[in-house]
Amino acid sequence: MDHIVTVQDAVTAFADFMEPTAAELDAVEQELPLILAEVDLLNAQIVTLDRVPNELDKRRIRRAHNRVLAARRDLANRPAGVSLPGGAA
């Protein structure tokens, strides 16, 4: 018979060292406009799940999609190593 033991100590032993670094937080902050634009698009799409989209819904989705594309473009065209003002760290 095999004994089942917990690995909780092994899993959480390094929890203090698993915090995000300043560079990782800065990367998330630089991607925040894209993340927020994608959330807006998702919210606009969720509204139309249980009904047929009307003209206002279609316009809202189209505008949210355009904001996502603009945020992706801005993120892709940002030079490497450039941080946004008011950044973390």
Protein backbone atom coordinates (compact mmCIF):
# COMPACT_ATOMS: atom_id res chain seq x y z
CA MET A 1 0.00 0.00 0.00
CA ASP A 2 1.37 3.39 -1.00
CA HIS A 3 1.02 6.26 1.39
CA ILE A 4 -0.35 9.53 0.08
CA VAL A 5 1.58 12.47 1.44
CA THR A 6 1.01 16.14 0.89
CA VAL A 7 3.43 18.24 -1.06
CA GLN A 8 2.12 21.48 0.38
CA ASP A 9 5.44 22.34 2.01
CA ALA A 10 7.32 21.75 -1.21
CA VAL A 11 4.84 23.80 -3.23
CA THR A 12 4.64 26.78 -0.91
CA ALA A 13 8.24 26.75 0.28
CA PHE A 14 9.25 29.20 -2.46
CA ALA A 15 6.15 31.40 -2.35
CA ASP A 16 8.10 34.40 -1.04
CA PHE A 17 10.40 34.26 -4.05
CA MET A 18 7.61 33.96 -6.60
CA GLU A 19 6.54 37.60 -6.49
CA PRO A 20 6.59 39.42 -9.84
CA THR A 21 9.72 41.40 -10.52
CA ALA A 22 9.74 45.10 -11.26
CA ALA A 23 10.37 44.34 -14.93
CA GLU A 24 7.37 42.00 -15.09
CA LEU A 25 5.14 44.59 -13.43
CA ASP A 26 6.38 47.22 -15.88
CA ALA A 27 5.60 44.92 -18.81
CA VAL A 28 2.06 44.38 -17.53
CA GLU A 29 1.63 48.11 -17.07
CA GLN A 30 2.75 48.75 -20.65
CA GLU A 31 0.20 46.21 -21.89
CA LEU A 32 -2.59 47.61 -19.71
CA PRO A 33 -4.23 49.73 -22.48
CA LEU A 34 -4.50 46.61 -24.64
CA ILE A 35 -5.86 44.56 -21.74
CA LEU A 36 -8.51 47.17 -20.96
CA ALA A 37 -9.49 47.45 -24.64
CA GLU A 38 -9.88 43.67 -24.84
CA VAL A 39 -12.03 43.70 -21.69
CA ASP A 40 -14.28 46.36 -23.27
CA LEU A 41 -14.61 44.25 -26.42
CA LEU A 42 -15.44 41.17 -24.37
CA ASN A 43 -18.07 43.10 -22.40
CA ALA A 44 -19.64 44.35 -25.63
CA GLN A 45 -19.75 40.79 -26.97
CA ILE A 46 -21.18 39.37 -23.74
CA VAL A 47 -24.14 41.76 -23.92
CA THR A 48 -25.17 40.21 -27.23
CA LEU A 49 -24.96 36.56 -26.17
CA ASP A 50 -28.61 36.12 -25.29
CA ARG A 51 -30.18 38.31 -27.96
CA VAL A 52 -29.83 39.34 -31.56
CA PRO A 53 -27.45 42.31 -31.72
CA ASN A 54 -29.15 45.53 -32.71
CA GLU A 55 -27.47 48.39 -34.55
CA LEU A 56 -26.21 49.97 -31.32
CA ASP A 57 -24.66 46.67 -30.20
CA LYS A 58 -22.96 46.21 -33.57
CA ARG A 59 -21.57 49.74 -33.38
CA ARG A 60 -20.34 49.19 -29.81
CA ILE A 61 -18.58 45.96 -30.81
CA ARG A 62 -17.05 47.57 -33.89
CA ARG A 63 -15.71 50.51 -31.87
CA ALA A 64 -14.35 48.22 -29.17
CA HIS A 65 -12.67 46.08 -31.84
CA ASN A 66 -11.10 49.20 -33.35
CA ARG A 67 -9.78 50.20 -29.91
CA VAL A 68 -8.21 46.75 -29.53
CA LEU A 69 -6.53 47.07 -32.92
CA ALA A 70 -5.26 50.56 -32.09
CA ALA A 71 -3.89 49.39 -28.73
CA ARG A 72 -2.15 46.45 -30.41
CA ARG A 73 -0.68 48.78 -33.01
CA ASP A 74 0.56 51.20 -30.35
CA LEU A 75 2.07 48.36 -28.33
CA ALA A 76 3.79 46.87 -31.37
CA ASN A 77 5.18 50.23 -32.50
CA ARG A 78 6.57 51.18 -29.08
CA PRO A 79 10.38 51.11 -29.11
CA ALA A 80 11.96 48.54 -26.82
CA GLY A 81 13.04 49.85 -23.45
CA VAL A 82 10.68 52.82 -23.43
CA SER A 83 8.50 53.00 -20.35
CA LEU A 84 5.31 54.92 -19.84
CA PRO A 85 5.22 57.90 -17.45
CA GLY A 86 4.06 57.09 -13.95
CA GLY A 87 5.23 53.51 -14.25
CA ALA A 88 5.73 51.10 -11.43
CA ALA A 89 9.26 50.68 -10.13
